[in-house]
Amino acid sequence: MEAAMGLMRRIPPKHTETALSALLSLLPQHSSDLLSQVDQPLQVLCDVDSGKEFILCEYNRDADSYRSPWSNKYHPSLEDGALPSAELRKLEIEANDIFTIYRDQYYEGGISSVYMWEDDNEGFVACFLIKKDGSKTGDGRRGYLQEGAWDAIHVIEVGPEEEGTAHYRLTSTVMLSLTTNNDASGTFSLSGSIRREMNMDLSIEEGHLCNMGRMIEEMESKLRNSLDQVYFGKTKEMVCTLRPPSEVVMRLPEA
């Protein structure tokens, strides 16, 4: 299992699904652990009742069906699928509306979904998902990439309220893949994933959504900086080392 997880950490995100399927065939006894611990690129499905797209993941799946945050129904239909309580469902609806605005402001499009459910510690868990297709054929507004995808998964565990405060544990994963193919850069492919955690005890005076929103905003800023420094910065350094720019020979004028 340890070797399998080490392998999955080194697999490019766009090959995760193929690699995970192979590991499930080799290690069927660890299928539940692999499916719960390995983050896969997010998939999208359309809610036929609302006409809106929603994101599929392990957190809104029950059997082979996925719950839509818009209609609160499973697709394909599932009679006894798990549903959040009425109070948590109300918070989930509000979170989806707010996160849609956040997504448009920061990502200039894309698809977002928020799911919530009760846990065993008298608190609840919220999952915030964003999928952005930045390719020329997708919903990218700049059109620089032949292929490009940004998948962000933010899972926040909210503890029970104690004296006006609550404990929040945020686990965030970002999977990035991009491919360029033009005359200036040629064909270039870059992909990877990064995961970080954050723990905070915050006052609930302004509500859970405000606290969770600030944590996600801060975490995404840190993740973007890390990706810029680790992936893009190191890649640029290696390319410049392996293929330094041609030296310009300076000749002094003859006397």
C-alpha atoms as a PDB file:
ATOM      1  CA  MET A   1       0.000   0.000   0.000  1.00  0.00           C
ATOM      2  CA  GLU A   2       2.838   2.387   0.858  1.00  0.00           C
ATOM      3  CA  ALA A   3       4.514   1.665  -2.476  1.00  0.00           C
ATOM      4  CA  ALA A   4       1.224   2.184  -4.319  1.00  0.00           C
ATOM      5  CA  MET A   5       0.685   5.590  -2.697  1.00  0.00           C
ATOM      6  CA  GLY A   6       4.272   6.557  -3.493  1.00  0.00           C
ATOM      7  CA  LEU A   7       3.679   5.652  -7.122  1.00  0.00           C
ATOM      8  CA  MET A   8       0.433   7.645  -7.307  1.00  0.00           C
ATOM      9  CA  ARG A   9       2.172  10.739  -5.923  1.00  0.00           C
ATOM     10  CA  ARG A  10       4.547  10.629  -8.886  1.00  0.00           C
ATOM     11  CA  ILE A  11       1.968   9.999 -11.605  1.00  0.00           C
ATOM     12  CA  PRO A  12       0.892  13.037 -13.676  1.00  0.00           C
ATOM     13  CA  PRO A  13      -2.730  13.964 -12.852  1.00  0.00           C
ATOM     14  CA  LYS A  14      -3.962  13.280 -16.379  1.00  0.00           C
ATOM     15  CA  HIS A  15      -2.757   9.649 -16.037  1.00  0.00           C
ATOM     16  CA  THR A  16      -4.140   9.154 -12.517  1.00  0.00           C
ATOM     17  CA  GLU A  17      -7.328   7.408 -13.588  1.00  0.00           C
ATOM     18  CA  THR A  18      -5.461   4.842 -15.713  1.00  0.00           C
ATOM     19  CA  ALA A  19      -2.853   4.196 -13.005  1.00  0.00           C
ATOM     20  CA  LEU A  20      -5.490   3.883 -10.277  1.00  0.00           C
ATOM     21  CA  SER A  21      -7.496   1.396 -12.343  1.00  0.00           C
ATOM     22  CA  ALA A  22      -4.371  -0.739 -12.773  1.00  0.00           C
ATOM     23  CA  LEU A  23      -3.611  -0.621  -9.041  1.00  0.00           C
ATOM     24  CA  LEU A  24      -7.189  -1.598  -8.164  1.00  0.00           C
ATOM     25  CA  SER A  25      -6.773  -4.675 -10.354  1.00  0.00           C
ATOM     26  CA  LEU A  26      -3.460  -5.559  -8.700  1.00  0.00           C
ATOM     27  CA  LEU A  27      -4.532  -4.733  -5.124  1.00  0.00           C
ATOM     28  CA  PRO A  28      -8.279  -5.402  -4.830  1.00  0.00           C
ATOM     29  CA  GLN A  29      -7.941  -5.841  -1.057  1.00  0.00           C
ATOM     30  CA  HIS A  30      -6.880  -2.181  -0.761  1.00  0.00           C
ATOM     31  CA  SER A  31      -9.542  -0.772  -3.089  1.00  0.00           C
ATOM     32  CA  SER A  32     -11.357   1.223  -0.401  1.00  0.00           C
ATOM     33  CA  ASP A  33      -8.116   2.784   0.868  1.00  0.00           C
ATOM     34  CA  LEU A  34      -6.940   3.682  -2.644  1.00  0.00           C
ATOM     35  CA  LEU A  35     -10.260   5.242  -3.644  1.00  0.00           C
ATOM     36  CA  SER A  36     -10.437   7.316  -0.449  1.00  0.00           C
ATOM     37  CA  GLN A  37      -6.820   8.514  -0.446  1.00  0.00           C
ATOM     38  CA  VAL A  38      -6.099   9.106  -4.144  1.00  0.00           C
ATOM     39  CA  ASP A  39      -7.472  12.330  -5.608  1.00  0.00           C
ATOM     40  CA  GLN A  40      -8.526  11.970  -9.224  1.00  0.00           C
ATOM     41  CA  PRO A  41      -9.154  14.671 -11.838  1.00  0.00           C
ATOM     42  CA  LEU A  42     -12.708  15.911 -11.402  1.00  0.00           C
ATOM     43  CA  GLN A  43     -15.497  14.820 -13.741  1.00  0.00           C
ATOM     44  CA  VAL A  44     -18.648  16.757 -14.643  1.00  0.00           C
ATOM     45  CA  LEU A  45     -22.289  15.731 -15.116  1.00  0.00           C
ATOM     46  CA  CYS A  46     -25.373  17.733 -16.056  1.00  0.00           C
ATOM     47  CA  ASP A  47     -28.348  17.887 -13.676  1.00  0.00           C
ATOM     48  CA  VAL A  48     -31.343  17.226 -15.918  1.00  0.00           C
ATOM     49  CA  ASP A  49     -33.731  18.873 -13.428  1.00  0.00           C
ATOM     50  CA  SER A  50     -31.929  22.209 -13.137  1.00  0.00           C
ATOM     51  CA  GLY A  51     -29.997  22.157 -16.400  1.00  0.00           C
ATOM     52  CA  LYS A  52     -26.789  23.002 -14.528  1.00  0.00           C
ATOM     53  CA  GLU A  53     -23.525  21.074 -14.484  1.00  0.00           C
ATOM     54  CA  PHE A  54     -22.103  19.710 -11.235  1.00  0.00           C
ATOM     55  CA  ILE A  55     -18.835  18.046 -10.264  1.00  0.00           C
ATOM     56  CA  LEU A  56     -18.492  14.355  -9.461  1.00  0.00           C
ATOM     57  CA  CYS A  57     -16.260  13.145  -6.654  1.00  0.00           C
ATOM     58  CA  GLU A  58     -16.120  10.633  -3.813  1.00  0.00           C
ATOM     59  CA  TYR A  59     -17.866  13.102  -1.487  1.00  0.00           C
ATOM     60  CA  ASN A  60     -21.182  13.181  -3.375  1.00  0.00           C
ATOM     61  CA  ARG A  61     -21.173   9.552  -4.505  1.00  0.00           C
ATOM     62  CA  ASP A  62     -23.420   6.815  -3.156  1.00  0.00           C
ATOM     63  CA  ALA A  63     -23.036   3.438  -4.866  1.00  0.00           C
ATOM     64  CA  ASP A  64     -22.747   4.362  -8.566  1.00  0.00           C
ATOM     65  CA  SER A  65     -24.849   7.548  -8.343  1.00  0.00           C
ATOM     66  CA  TYR A  66     -23.839  11.155  -7.675  1.00  0.00           C
ATOM     67  CA  ARG A  67     -25.863  13.797  -5.840  1.00  0.00           C
ATOM     68  CA  SER A  68     -26.388  17.163  -7.493  1.00  0.00           C
ATOM     69  CA  PRO A  69     -26.022  20.230  -5.232  1.00  0.00           C
ATOM     70  CA  TRP A  70     -28.655  22.044  -7.296  1.00  0.00           C
ATOM     71  CA  SER A  71     -31.599  19.625  -7.092  1.00  0.00           C
ATOM     72  CA  ASN A  72     -30.362  17.443  -4.186  1.00  0.00           C
ATOM     73  CA  LYS A  73     -31.154  14.395  -6.343  1.00  0.00           C
ATOM     74  CA  TYR A  74     -28.941  11.494  -7.356  1.00  0.00           C
ATOM     75  CA  HIS A  75     -27.969  10.811 -10.960  1.00  0.00           C
ATOM     76  CA  PRO A  76     -28.738   8.078 -11.929  1.00  0.00           C
ATOM     77  CA  SER A  77     -31.742   8.001  -9.620  1.00  0.00           C
ATOM     78  CA  LEU A  78     -31.159   6.411  -6.205  1.00  0.00           C
ATOM     79  CA  GLU A  79     -34.074   5.985  -3.800  1.00  0.00           C
ATOM     80  CA  ASP A  80     -32.190   5.546  -0.520  1.00  0.00           C
ATOM     81  CA  GLY A  81     -29.179   7.786  -1.204  1.00  0.00           C
ATOM     82  CA  ALA A  82     -27.656   9.703   1.720  1.00  0.00           C
ATOM     83  CA  LEU A  83     -28.877  13.305   2.039  1.00  0.00           C
ATOM     84  CA  PRO A  84     -27.834  16.153   4.361  1.00  0.00           C
ATOM     85  CA  SER A  85     -30.212  17.361   7.077  1.00  0.00           C
ATOM     86  CA  ALA A  86     -32.603  20.212   6.286  1.00  0.00           C
ATOM     87  CA  GLU A  87     -30.462  22.733   8.196  1.00  0.00           C
ATOM     88  CA  LEU A  88     -27.244  21.604   6.508  1.00  0.00           C
ATOM     89  CA  ARG A  89     -28.942  21.516   3.108  1.00  0.00           C
ATOM     90  CA  LYS A  90     -29.907  25.179   3.552  1.00  0.00           C
ATOM     91  CA  LEU A  91     -26.270  26.039   4.299  1.00  0.00           C
ATOM     92  CA  GLU A  92     -25.169  23.971   1.290  1.00  0.00           C
ATOM     93  CA  ILE A  93     -27.452  25.919  -1.068  1.00  0.00           C
ATOM     94  CA  GLU A  94     -26.111  29.236   0.220  1.00  0.00           C
ATOM     95  CA  ALA A  95     -22.514  28.002  -0.084  1.00  0.00           C
ATOM     96  CA  ASN A  96     -23.036  26.995  -3.726  1.00  0.00           C
ATOM     97  CA  ASP A  97     -24.420  30.432  -4.605  1.00  0.00           C
ATOM     98  CA  ILE A  98     -21.529  32.230  -2.887  1.00  0.00           C
ATOM     99  CA  PHE A  99     -18.859  29.915  -4.286  1.00  0.00           C
ATOM    100  CA  THR A 100     -20.175  30.509  -7.808  1.00  0.00           C
ATOM    101  CA  ILE A 101     -19.378  34.213  -7.379  1.00  0.00           C
ATOM    102  CA  TYR A 102     -15.953  33.377  -5.942  1.00  0.00           C
ATOM    103  CA  ARG A 103     -15.217  31.096  -8.916  1.00  0.00           C
ATOM    104  CA  ASP A 104     -16.172  33.724 -11.483  1.00  0.00           C
ATOM    105  CA  GLN A 105     -14.066  36.403  -9.817  1.00  0.00           C
ATOM    106  CA  TYR A 106     -10.922  34.298  -9.384  1.00  0.00           C
ATOM    107  CA  TYR A 107     -11.144  31.852 -12.286  1.00  0.00           C
ATOM    108  CA  GLU A 108     -13.115  33.750 -14.926  1.00  0.00           C
ATOM    109  CA  GLY A 109     -15.450  30.823 -15.479  1.00  0.00           C
ATOM    110  CA  GLY A 110     -15.306  27.107 -14.809  1.00  0.00           C
ATOM    111  CA  ILE A 111     -17.582  24.852 -12.765  1.00  0.00           C
ATOM    112  CA  SER A 112     -17.943  24.708  -8.991  1.00  0.00           C
ATOM    113  CA  SER A 113     -19.859  22.528  -6.537  1.00  0.00           C
ATOM    114  CA  VAL A 114     -20.183  22.451  -2.744  1.00  0.00           C
ATOM    115  CA  TYR A 115     -21.292  19.405  -0.758  1.00  0.00           C
ATOM    116  CA  MET A 116     -21.933  19.079   2.971  1.00  0.00           C
ATOM    117  CA  TRP A 117     -22.696  16.184   5.287  1.00  0.00           C
ATOM    118  CA  GLU A 118     -22.791  15.402   8.999  1.00  0.00           C
ATOM    119  CA  ASP A 119     -19.874  13.635  10.675  1.00  0.00           C
ATOM    120  CA  ASP A 120     -19.683  11.472  13.800  1.00  0.00           C
ATOM    121  CA  ASN A 121     -18.339  14.252  16.066  1.00  0.00           C
ATOM    122  CA  GLU A 122     -21.482  16.422  16.167  1.00  0.00           C
ATOM    123  CA  GLY A 123     -19.988  18.684  13.528  1.00  0.00           C
ATOM    124  CA  PHE A 124     -20.084  18.587   9.745  1.00  0.00           C
ATOM    125  CA  VAL A 125     -17.818  18.373   6.704  1.00  0.00           C
ATOM    126  CA  ALA A 126     -17.894  20.600   3.629  1.00  0.00           C
ATOM    127  CA  CYS A 127     -16.266  19.934   0.273  1.00  0.00           C
ATOM    128  CA  PHE A 128     -15.645  22.852  -2.114  1.00  0.00           C
ATOM    129  CA  LEU A 129     -14.744  21.868  -5.685  1.00  0.00           C
ATOM    130  CA  ILE A 130     -13.610  23.906  -8.692  1.00  0.00           C
ATOM    131  CA  LYS A 131     -12.851  22.636 -12.191  1.00  0.00           C
ATOM    132  CA  LYS A 132     -11.482  24.999 -14.817  1.00  0.00           C
ATOM    133  CA  ASP A 133     -10.833  23.966 -18.424  1.00  0.00           C
ATOM    134  CA  GLY A 134      -8.299  26.411 -19.813  1.00  0.00           C
ATOM    135  CA  SER A 135      -7.864  24.842 -23.248  1.00  0.00           C
ATOM    136  CA  LYS A 136      -8.755  26.471 -26.540  1.00  0.00           C
ATOM    137  CA  THR A 137     -11.752  24.166 -26.942  1.00  0.00           C
ATOM    138  CA  GLY A 138     -12.905  24.621 -23.342  1.00  0.00           C
ATOM    139  CA  ASP A 139     -14.248  27.629 -21.469  1.00  0.00           C
ATOM    140  CA  GLY A 140     -10.873  29.381 -21.211  1.00  0.00           C
ATOM    141  CA  ARG A 141     -11.138  33.046 -22.055  1.00  0.00           C
ATOM    142  CA  ARG A 142      -7.538  33.539 -23.144  1.00  0.00           C
ATOM    143  CA  GLY A 143      -6.958  30.565 -25.420  1.00  0.00           C
ATOM    144  CA  TYR A 144      -3.206  30.195 -24.861  1.00  0.00           C
ATOM    145  CA  LEU A 145      -3.222  26.449 -24.134  1.00  0.00           C
ATOM    146  CA  GLN A 146      -3.738  23.487 -26.383  1.00  0.00           C
ATOM    147  CA  GLU A 147      -4.904  21.595 -23.298  1.00  0.00           C
ATOM    148  CA  GLY A 148      -5.219  22.833 -19.740  1.00  0.00           C
ATOM    149  CA  ALA A 149      -7.029  21.851 -16.542  1.00  0.00           C
ATOM    150  CA  TRP A 150      -7.121  23.108 -12.959  1.00  0.00           C
ATOM    151  CA  ASP A 151      -8.885  20.884 -10.401  1.00  0.00           C
ATOM    152  CA  ALA A 152      -9.158  22.185  -6.831  1.00  0.00           C
ATOM    153  CA  ILE A 153     -10.537  20.126  -3.929  1.00  0.00           C
ATOM    154  CA  HIS A 154     -11.031  21.775  -0.523  1.00  0.00           C
ATOM    155  CA  VAL A 155     -12.368  19.605   2.315  1.00  0.00           C
ATOM    156  CA  ILE A 156     -13.141  21.366   5.604  1.00  0.00           C
ATOM    157  CA  GLU A 157     -13.947  19.467   8.795  1.00  0.00           C
ATOM    158  CA  VAL A 158     -15.903  21.707  11.187  1.00  0.00           C
ATOM    159  CA  GLY A 159     -15.943  20.685  14.840  1.00  0.00           C
ATOM    160  CA  PRO A 160     -18.826  21.274  17.277  1.00  0.00           C
ATOM    161  CA  GLU A 161     -19.272  24.797  18.649  1.00  0.00           C
ATOM    162  CA  GLU A 162     -17.596  25.533  21.977  1.00  0.00           C
ATOM    163  CA  GLU A 163     -18.043  28.930  23.665  1.00  0.00           C
ATOM    164  CA  GLY A 164     -18.722  30.720  20.400  1.00  0.00           C
ATOM    165  CA  THR A 165     -15.814  29.187  18.471  1.00  0.00           C
ATOM    166  CA  ALA A 166     -15.303  26.165  16.245  1.00  0.00           C
ATOM    167  CA  HIS A 167     -12.293  24.243  15.036  1.00  0.00           C
ATOM    168  CA  TYR A 168     -11.738  24.108  11.271  1.00  0.00           C
ATOM    169  CA  ARG A 169      -9.423  21.668   9.554  1.00  0.00           C
ATOM    170  CA  LEU A 170      -8.874  22.365   5.854  1.00  0.00           C
ATOM    171  CA  THR A 171      -7.237  19.883   3.476  1.00  0.00           C
ATOM    172  CA  SER A 172      -6.680  21.259  -0.017  1.00  0.00           C
ATOM    173  CA  THR A 173      -5.482  19.545  -3.178  1.00  0.00           C
ATOM    174  CA  VAL A 174      -4.805  21.194  -6.524  1.00  0.00           C
ATOM    175  CA  MET A 175      -4.125  19.221  -9.707  1.00  0.00           C
ATOM    176  CA  LEU A 176      -2.714  21.153 -12.644  1.00  0.00           C
ATOM    177  CA  SER A 177      -1.978  20.028 -16.192  1.00  0.00           C
ATOM    178  CA  LEU A 178      -1.226  22.080 -19.275  1.00  0.00           C
ATOM    179  CA  THR A 179       0.050  21.540 -22.815  1.00  0.00           C
ATOM    180  CA  THR A 180       1.114  24.189 -25.290  1.00  0.00           C
ATOM    181  CA  ASN A 181       1.568  23.697 -29.011  1.00  0.00           C
ATOM    182  CA  ASN A 182       2.501  26.787 -30.980  1.00  0.00           C
ATOM    183  CA  ASP A 183       5.334  28.200 -33.052  1.00  0.00           C
ATOM    184  CA  ALA A 184       6.862  30.158 -30.172  1.00  0.00           C
ATOM    185  CA  SER A 185       7.119  27.367 -27.571  1.00  0.00           C
ATOM    186  CA  GLY A 186       6.638  24.202 -29.588  1.00  0.00           C
ATOM    187  CA  THR A 187       5.003  21.289 -27.760  1.00  0.00           C
ATOM    188  CA  PHE A 188       5.431  21.502 -23.996  1.00  0.00           C
ATOM    189  CA  SER A 189       3.602  19.549 -21.289  1.00  0.00           C
ATOM    190  CA  LEU A 190       3.595  20.220 -17.543  1.00  0.00           C
ATOM    191  CA  SER A 191       1.470  18.586 -14.856  1.00  0.00           C
ATOM    192  CA  GLY A 192       1.500  17.891 -11.138  1.00  0.00           C
ATOM    193  CA  SER A 193      -0.445  18.082  -7.897  1.00  0.00           C
ATOM    194  CA  ILE A 194       0.056  19.669  -4.502  1.00  0.00           C
ATOM    195  CA  ARG A 195      -1.666  19.147  -1.137  1.00  0.00           C
ATOM    196  CA  ARG A 196      -1.621  21.293   1.995  1.00  0.00           C
ATOM    197  CA  GLU A 197      -3.439  21.398   5.365  1.00  0.00           C
ATOM    198  CA  MET A 198      -4.526  24.234   7.639  1.00  0.00           C
ATOM    199  CA  ASN A 199      -6.017  24.190  11.152  1.00  0.00           C
ATOM    200  CA  MET A 200      -7.725  27.197  12.769  1.00  0.00           C
ATOM    201  CA  ASP A 201      -9.981  27.966  15.733  1.00  0.00           C
ATOM    202  CA  LEU A 202     -12.321  30.792  14.729  1.00  0.00           C
ATOM    203  CA  SER A 203     -15.257  32.672  16.171  1.00  0.00           C
ATOM    204  CA  ILE A 204     -18.576  31.759  14.557  1.00  0.00           C
ATOM    205  CA  GLU A 205     -20.027  35.237  15.079  1.00  0.00           C
ATOM    206  CA  GLU A 206     -19.992  35.898  11.309  1.00  0.00           C
ATOM    207  CA  GLY A 207     -21.043  32.361  10.413  1.00  0.00           C
ATOM    208  CA  HIS A 208     -19.327  29.238   9.126  1.00  0.00           C
ATOM    209  CA  LEU A 209     -19.374  30.299   5.471  1.00  0.00           C
ATOM    210  CA  CYS A 210     -17.352  33.451   6.154  1.00  0.00           C
ATOM    211  CA  ASN A 211     -14.737  31.465   8.068  1.00  0.00           C
ATOM    212  CA  MET A 212     -14.512  28.716   5.468  1.00  0.00           C
ATOM    213  CA  GLY A 213     -14.374  31.220   2.631  1.00  0.00           C
ATOM    214  CA  ARG A 214     -11.450  33.119   4.168  1.00  0.00           C
ATOM    215  CA  MET A 215      -9.544  29.880   4.776  1.00  0.00           C
ATOM    216  CA  ILE A 216     -10.051  28.704   1.184  1.00  0.00           C
ATOM    217  CA  GLU A 217      -9.044  32.097  -0.211  1.00  0.00           C
ATOM    218  CA  GLU A 218      -5.858  32.129   1.877  1.00  0.00           C
ATOM    219  CA  MET A 219      -5.027  28.529   1.035  1.00  0.00           C
ATOM    220  CA  GLU A 220      -5.530  28.988  -2.711  1.00  0.00           C
ATOM    221  CA  SER A 221      -3.222  31.995  -2.647  1.00  0.00           C
ATOM    222  CA  LYS A 222      -0.523  29.884  -0.964  1.00  0.00           C
ATOM    223  CA  LEU A 223      -1.043  27.028  -3.407  1.00  0.00           C
ATOM    224  CA  ARG A 224      -0.759  29.315  -6.427  1.00  0.00           C
ATOM    225  CA  ASN A 225       2.489  30.745  -5.078  1.00  0.00           C
ATOM    226  CA  SER A 226       3.852  27.255  -4.420  1.00  0.00           C
ATOM    227  CA  LEU A 227       2.924  26.079  -7.906  1.00  0.00           C
ATOM    228  CA  ASP A 228       4.518  29.170  -9.421  1.00  0.00           C
ATOM    229  CA  GLN A 229       7.753  28.658  -7.492  1.00  0.00           C
ATOM    230  CA  VAL A 230       7.972  24.859  -7.563  1.00  0.00           C
ATOM    231  CA  TYR A 231       6.603  23.909 -10.968  1.00  0.00           C
ATOM    232  CA  PHE A 232       7.048  26.928 -13.176  1.00  0.00           C
ATOM    233  CA  GLY A 233      10.098  28.355 -11.395  1.00  0.00           C
ATOM    234  CA  LYS A 234      12.030  25.064 -11.279  1.00  0.00           C
ATOM    235  CA  THR A 235      11.009  24.159 -14.827  1.00  0.00           C
ATOM    236  CA  LYS A 236      12.286  27.486 -16.111  1.00  0.00           C
ATOM    237  CA  GLU A 237      15.521  27.025 -14.166  1.00  0.00           C
ATOM    238  CA  MET A 238      16.086  23.541 -15.624  1.00  0.00           C
ATOM    239  CA  VAL A 239      15.289  24.618 -19.177  1.00  0.00           C
ATOM    240  CA  CYS A 240      17.656  27.576 -18.944  1.00  0.00           C
ATOM    241  CA  THR A 241      20.365  25.302 -17.485  1.00  0.00           C
ATOM    242  CA  LEU A 242      19.996  22.614 -20.147  1.00  0.00           C
ATOM    243  CA  ARG A 243      19.472  25.029 -23.011  1.00  0.00           C
ATOM    244  CA  PRO A 244      21.106  28.335 -22.127  1.00  0.00           C
ATOM    245  CA  PRO A 245      20.428  31.241 -24.464  1.00  0.00           C
ATOM    246  CA  SER A 246      23.065  31.715 -27.115  1.00  0.00           C
ATOM    247  CA  GLU A 247      25.829  34.028 -25.980  1.00  0.00           C
ATOM    248  CA  VAL A 248      26.195  37.314 -27.711  1.00  0.00           C
ATOM    249  CA  VAL A 249      29.827  37.856 -28.714  1.00  0.00           C
ATOM    250  CA  MET A 250      30.921  41.385 -28.063  1.00  0.00           C
ATOM    251  CA  ARG A 251      33.656  42.635 -30.361  1.00  0.00           C
ATOM    252  CA  LEU A 252      35.607  45.732 -29.653  1.00  0.00           C
ATOM    253  CA  PRO A 253      36.079  48.074 -32.588  1.00  0.00           C
ATOM    254  CA  GLU A 254      39.503  47.930 -34.190  1.00  0.00           C
ATOM    255  CA  ALA A 255      41.856  50.809 -33.442  1.00  0.00           C
END
